[in-house]
N, C-alpha and C. Protein backbone atom coordinates (compact mmCIF):
# COMPACT_ATOMS: atom_id res chain seq x y z
N UNK A 1 -29.03 -7.57 100.83
CA UNK A 1 -29.32 -8.57 99.84
C UNK A 1 -29.22 -7.94 98.45
N UNK A 2 -28.53 -8.61 97.55
CA UNK A 2 -28.29 -8.10 96.22
C UNK A 2 -29.29 -8.67 95.23
N UNK A 3 -29.83 -7.81 94.40
CA UNK A 3 -30.69 -8.32 93.35
C UNK A 3 -29.85 -8.64 92.12
N UNK A 4 -30.45 -9.13 91.06
CA UNK A 4 -29.72 -9.57 89.87
C UNK A 4 -28.96 -8.46 89.18
N UNK A 5 -29.54 -7.25 89.13
CA UNK A 5 -28.90 -6.15 88.42
C UNK A 5 -27.63 -5.70 89.13
N UNK A 6 -27.64 -5.64 90.44
CA UNK A 6 -26.45 -5.18 91.14
C UNK A 6 -25.36 -6.25 91.15
N UNK A 7 -25.72 -7.51 91.04
CA UNK A 7 -24.70 -8.54 90.95
C UNK A 7 -23.97 -8.43 89.62
N UNK A 8 -24.71 -8.15 88.57
CA UNK A 8 -24.07 -8.00 87.26
C UNK A 8 -23.15 -6.78 87.23
N UNK A 9 -23.51 -5.74 87.97
CA UNK A 9 -22.72 -4.52 87.97
C UNK A 9 -21.53 -4.60 88.92
N UNK A 10 -21.47 -5.60 89.75
CA UNK A 10 -20.39 -5.75 90.71
C UNK A 10 -19.13 -6.22 89.99
N UNK A 11 -18.12 -5.34 89.92
CA UNK A 11 -16.88 -5.70 89.23
C UNK A 11 -15.73 -5.97 90.19
N UNK A 12 -15.99 -5.89 91.48
CA UNK A 12 -14.93 -6.12 92.45
C UNK A 12 -14.47 -7.58 92.45
N UNK A 13 -15.34 -8.46 92.04
CA UNK A 13 -15.02 -9.88 92.09
C UNK A 13 -14.81 -10.46 90.69
N UNK A 14 -14.47 -9.61 89.73
CA UNK A 14 -14.27 -10.07 88.36
C UNK A 14 -12.94 -10.81 88.26
N UNK A 15 -12.97 -12.04 87.80
CA UNK A 15 -11.71 -12.77 87.65
C UNK A 15 -10.94 -12.28 86.42
N UNK A 16 -9.68 -12.63 86.33
CA UNK A 16 -8.82 -12.32 85.18
C UNK A 16 -8.70 -10.82 84.93
N UNK A 17 -8.69 -10.02 85.93
CA UNK A 17 -8.52 -8.57 85.83
C UNK A 17 -9.57 -7.94 84.92
N UNK A 18 -10.78 -8.41 84.96
CA UNK A 18 -11.86 -7.84 84.18
C UNK A 18 -12.08 -8.52 82.85
N UNK A 19 -11.12 -9.32 82.38
CA UNK A 19 -11.27 -10.05 81.12
C UNK A 19 -11.66 -11.49 81.42
N UNK A 20 -12.67 -11.96 80.77
CA UNK A 20 -13.00 -13.37 80.90
C UNK A 20 -12.24 -14.13 79.82
N UNK A 21 -12.09 -15.42 79.96
CA UNK A 21 -11.37 -16.18 78.93
C UNK A 21 -12.03 -16.09 77.56
N UNK A 22 -13.33 -15.76 77.51
CA UNK A 22 -14.01 -15.64 76.23
C UNK A 22 -13.65 -14.36 75.49
N UNK A 23 -13.14 -13.37 76.21
CA UNK A 23 -12.79 -12.09 75.58
C UNK A 23 -11.41 -12.19 74.95
N UNK A 24 -11.23 -11.51 73.85
CA UNK A 24 -9.95 -11.51 73.15
C UNK A 24 -9.27 -10.16 73.40
N UNK A 25 -8.29 -10.16 74.29
CA UNK A 25 -7.63 -8.92 74.68
C UNK A 25 -6.89 -8.30 73.49
N UNK A 26 -6.27 -9.12 72.63
CA UNK A 26 -5.54 -8.58 71.48
C UNK A 26 -6.48 -7.87 70.52
N UNK A 27 -7.66 -8.42 70.33
CA UNK A 27 -8.64 -7.78 69.45
C UNK A 27 -9.11 -6.45 70.03
N UNK A 28 -9.29 -6.42 71.33
CA UNK A 28 -9.71 -5.17 71.98
C UNK A 28 -8.63 -4.11 71.84
N UNK A 29 -7.38 -4.50 72.04
CA UNK A 29 -6.27 -3.55 71.91
C UNK A 29 -6.13 -3.05 70.48
N UNK A 30 -6.33 -3.94 69.50
CA UNK A 30 -6.24 -3.52 68.09
C UNK A 30 -7.37 -2.55 67.75
N UNK A 31 -8.55 -2.81 68.27
CA UNK A 31 -9.68 -1.91 68.02
C UNK A 31 -9.42 -0.55 68.65
N UNK A 32 -8.89 -0.54 69.86
CA UNK A 32 -8.57 0.72 70.53
C UNK A 32 -7.50 1.49 69.77
N UNK A 33 -6.48 0.78 69.29
CA UNK A 33 -5.43 1.43 68.50
C UNK A 33 -5.98 2.04 67.22
N UNK A 34 -6.89 1.33 66.56
CA UNK A 34 -7.53 1.86 65.36
C UNK A 34 -8.36 3.08 65.65
N UNK A 35 -9.06 3.06 66.77
CA UNK A 35 -9.87 4.21 67.17
C UNK A 35 -9.00 5.43 67.43
N UNK A 36 -7.89 5.24 68.11
CA UNK A 36 -6.98 6.35 68.40
C UNK A 36 -6.42 6.92 67.10
N UNK A 37 -6.03 6.05 66.15
CA UNK A 37 -5.52 6.52 64.85
C UNK A 37 -6.59 7.31 64.11
N UNK A 38 -7.83 6.82 64.14
CA UNK A 38 -8.94 7.52 63.49
C UNK A 38 -9.15 8.91 64.09
N UNK A 39 -9.09 9.01 65.40
CA UNK A 39 -9.29 10.30 66.07
C UNK A 39 -8.16 11.26 65.73
N UNK A 40 -6.92 10.77 65.69
CA UNK A 40 -5.79 11.64 65.33
C UNK A 40 -5.96 12.19 63.91
N UNK A 41 -6.27 11.32 62.97
CA UNK A 41 -6.41 11.74 61.57
C UNK A 41 -7.58 12.71 61.43
N UNK A 42 -8.70 12.40 62.08
CA UNK A 42 -9.87 13.26 61.99
C UNK A 42 -9.59 14.64 62.59
N UNK A 43 -8.85 14.69 63.67
CA UNK A 43 -8.51 15.96 64.30
C UNK A 43 -7.68 16.83 63.36
N UNK A 44 -6.70 16.23 62.70
CA UNK A 44 -5.86 17.01 61.79
C UNK A 44 -6.66 17.44 60.56
N UNK A 45 -7.56 16.60 60.07
CA UNK A 45 -8.40 16.99 58.93
C UNK A 45 -9.31 18.16 59.33
N UNK A 46 -9.85 18.15 60.52
CA UNK A 46 -10.69 19.27 60.98
C UNK A 46 -9.85 20.54 61.09
N UNK A 47 -8.62 20.43 61.56
CA UNK A 47 -7.73 21.59 61.60
C UNK A 47 -7.50 22.13 60.19
N UNK A 48 -7.32 21.21 59.23
CA UNK A 48 -7.16 21.62 57.82
C UNK A 48 -8.40 22.37 57.33
N UNK A 49 -9.58 21.88 57.68
CA UNK A 49 -10.81 22.54 57.25
C UNK A 49 -10.95 23.92 57.87
N UNK A 50 -10.55 24.08 59.10
CA UNK A 50 -10.58 25.40 59.74
C UNK A 50 -9.59 26.34 59.05
N UNK A 51 -8.42 25.80 58.70
CA UNK A 51 -7.44 26.63 57.99
C UNK A 51 -7.94 27.02 56.60
N UNK A 52 -8.67 26.15 55.92
CA UNK A 52 -9.22 26.51 54.61
C UNK A 52 -10.25 27.62 54.76
N UNK A 53 -11.04 27.57 55.81
CA UNK A 53 -12.00 28.65 56.05
C UNK A 53 -11.27 29.96 56.34
N UNK A 54 -10.16 29.87 57.05
CA UNK A 54 -9.38 31.07 57.33
C UNK A 54 -8.76 31.65 56.06
N UNK A 55 -8.24 30.77 55.20
CA UNK A 55 -7.66 31.24 53.93
C UNK A 55 -8.74 31.90 53.09
N UNK A 56 -9.90 31.30 53.02
CA UNK A 56 -10.99 31.88 52.24
C UNK A 56 -11.53 33.16 52.84
N UNK A 57 -11.70 33.18 54.14
CA UNK A 57 -12.31 34.32 54.80
C UNK A 57 -11.39 35.50 54.99
N UNK A 58 -10.14 35.24 55.37
CA UNK A 58 -9.20 36.32 55.65
C UNK A 58 -8.53 36.82 54.38
N UNK A 59 -8.07 35.90 53.55
CA UNK A 59 -7.33 36.28 52.35
C UNK A 59 -8.22 36.36 51.11
N UNK A 60 -9.47 36.01 51.24
CA UNK A 60 -10.43 36.01 50.13
C UNK A 60 -9.94 35.18 48.96
N UNK A 61 -9.31 34.06 49.26
CA UNK A 61 -8.80 33.14 48.23
C UNK A 61 -9.66 31.88 48.28
N UNK A 62 -10.88 31.99 47.77
CA UNK A 62 -11.83 30.89 47.91
C UNK A 62 -11.49 29.71 47.01
N UNK A 63 -10.86 29.94 45.86
CA UNK A 63 -10.44 28.80 45.04
C UNK A 63 -9.35 27.99 45.72
N UNK A 64 -8.43 28.68 46.37
CA UNK A 64 -7.41 27.99 47.16
C UNK A 64 -8.06 27.24 48.31
N UNK A 65 -9.08 27.84 48.90
CA UNK A 65 -9.79 27.20 50.00
C UNK A 65 -10.50 25.92 49.54
N UNK A 66 -11.15 25.99 48.38
CA UNK A 66 -11.83 24.80 47.85
C UNK A 66 -10.81 23.70 47.55
N UNK A 67 -9.69 24.08 46.95
CA UNK A 67 -8.63 23.12 46.68
C UNK A 67 -8.09 22.53 47.99
N UNK A 68 -7.99 23.36 49.02
CA UNK A 68 -7.54 22.88 50.33
C UNK A 68 -8.49 21.88 50.95
N UNK A 69 -9.79 22.10 50.78
CA UNK A 69 -10.79 21.15 51.30
C UNK A 69 -10.63 19.80 50.61
N UNK A 70 -10.49 19.84 49.29
CA UNK A 70 -10.33 18.60 48.54
C UNK A 70 -9.05 17.87 48.96
N UNK A 71 -7.95 18.62 49.10
CA UNK A 71 -6.69 18.01 49.54
C UNK A 71 -6.80 17.45 50.96
N UNK A 72 -7.47 18.17 51.84
CA UNK A 72 -7.60 17.71 53.23
C UNK A 72 -8.39 16.41 53.30
N UNK A 73 -9.49 16.34 52.58
CA UNK A 73 -10.31 15.12 52.61
C UNK A 73 -9.59 13.95 51.95
N UNK A 74 -8.91 14.21 50.84
CA UNK A 74 -8.17 13.14 50.15
C UNK A 74 -7.01 12.64 51.01
N UNK A 75 -6.29 13.56 51.63
CA UNK A 75 -5.16 13.14 52.46
C UNK A 75 -5.64 12.42 53.72
N UNK A 76 -6.79 12.80 54.24
CA UNK A 76 -7.35 12.06 55.37
C UNK A 76 -7.72 10.64 54.98
N UNK A 77 -8.26 10.47 53.77
CA UNK A 77 -8.60 9.13 53.30
C UNK A 77 -7.35 8.29 53.08
N UNK A 78 -6.31 8.90 52.51
CA UNK A 78 -5.05 8.19 52.31
C UNK A 78 -4.45 7.79 53.66
N UNK A 79 -4.47 8.70 54.61
CA UNK A 79 -3.94 8.40 55.93
C UNK A 79 -4.72 7.32 56.65
N UNK A 80 -6.02 7.28 56.44
CA UNK A 80 -6.84 6.25 57.08
C UNK A 80 -6.62 4.88 56.46
N UNK A 81 -6.36 4.85 55.16
CA UNK A 81 -6.20 3.57 54.47
C UNK A 81 -4.78 3.01 54.58
N UNK A 82 -3.82 3.86 54.83
CA UNK A 82 -2.43 3.42 54.90
C UNK A 82 -1.86 3.71 56.29
N UNK A 83 -1.72 2.68 57.12
CA UNK A 83 -1.21 2.91 58.48
C UNK A 83 0.20 3.51 58.52
N UNK A 84 1.01 3.25 57.50
CA UNK A 84 2.37 3.80 57.53
C UNK A 84 2.37 5.30 57.29
N UNK A 85 1.36 5.80 56.57
CA UNK A 85 1.25 7.24 56.32
C UNK A 85 0.56 7.91 57.49
N UNK A 86 -0.59 7.39 57.87
CA UNK A 86 -1.32 7.88 59.03
C UNK A 86 -1.61 9.37 59.01
N UNK A 87 -1.18 10.03 60.04
CA UNK A 87 -1.50 11.45 60.24
C UNK A 87 -0.56 12.36 59.45
N UNK A 88 0.48 11.80 58.85
CA UNK A 88 1.46 12.62 58.13
C UNK A 88 0.86 13.32 56.92
N UNK A 89 -0.03 12.64 56.20
CA UNK A 89 -0.61 13.23 54.99
C UNK A 89 -1.46 14.46 55.30
N UNK A 90 -2.44 14.37 56.21
CA UNK A 90 -3.20 15.59 56.50
C UNK A 90 -2.37 16.66 57.22
N UNK A 91 -1.35 16.25 57.95
CA UNK A 91 -0.49 17.24 58.61
C UNK A 91 0.28 18.05 57.57
N UNK A 92 0.69 17.40 56.49
CA UNK A 92 1.38 18.11 55.41
C UNK A 92 0.45 19.13 54.77
N UNK A 93 -0.80 18.75 54.55
CA UNK A 93 -1.78 19.69 53.99
C UNK A 93 -2.01 20.84 54.96
N UNK A 94 -2.05 20.55 56.25
CA UNK A 94 -2.24 21.62 57.24
C UNK A 94 -1.08 22.61 57.20
N UNK A 95 0.13 22.11 57.04
CA UNK A 95 1.29 23.01 56.95
C UNK A 95 1.21 23.87 55.69
N UNK A 96 0.82 23.25 54.57
CA UNK A 96 0.67 24.02 53.33
C UNK A 96 -0.40 25.10 53.46
N UNK A 97 -1.51 24.76 54.10
CA UNK A 97 -2.58 25.75 54.29
C UNK A 97 -2.15 26.87 55.23
N UNK A 98 -1.38 26.52 56.25
CA UNK A 98 -0.87 27.54 57.16
C UNK A 98 0.08 28.49 56.43
N UNK A 99 0.92 27.94 55.56
CA UNK A 99 1.81 28.78 54.76
C UNK A 99 1.02 29.65 53.80
N UNK A 100 -0.04 29.10 53.23
CA UNK A 100 -0.90 29.92 52.35
C UNK A 100 -1.55 31.04 53.13
N UNK A 101 -1.94 30.76 54.36
CA UNK A 101 -2.56 31.79 55.19
C UNK A 101 -1.56 32.90 55.54
N UNK A 102 -0.33 32.52 55.77
CA UNK A 102 0.69 33.50 56.16
C UNK A 102 1.19 34.31 54.96
N UNK A 103 1.49 33.64 53.85
CA UNK A 103 2.18 34.30 52.75
C UNK A 103 1.30 34.65 51.56
N UNK A 104 0.04 34.39 51.60
CA UNK A 104 -0.82 34.63 50.45
C UNK A 104 -1.04 36.11 50.26
């Protein structure tokens, strides 16, 4: 015999492949796409921040590191606000910071 809680948790008998007619599948997909874009941009910005710490710590170029932090955060904001730019802006900063780490 099933109680109320286990009936609610039973998904084997869910109609419409888990979506009810009240749910908006397009809205869910758009939200998921936005979340994925946010995670990509945030990951590249964190990589930029790690590279700025490396430039400051290894090469002792702390002014370059501070400038890199500002560029990384600004490019992450630009990428988040402009879907056409997306992850390209912080990736460019990451490449510049990597070059600074190598050739400084």
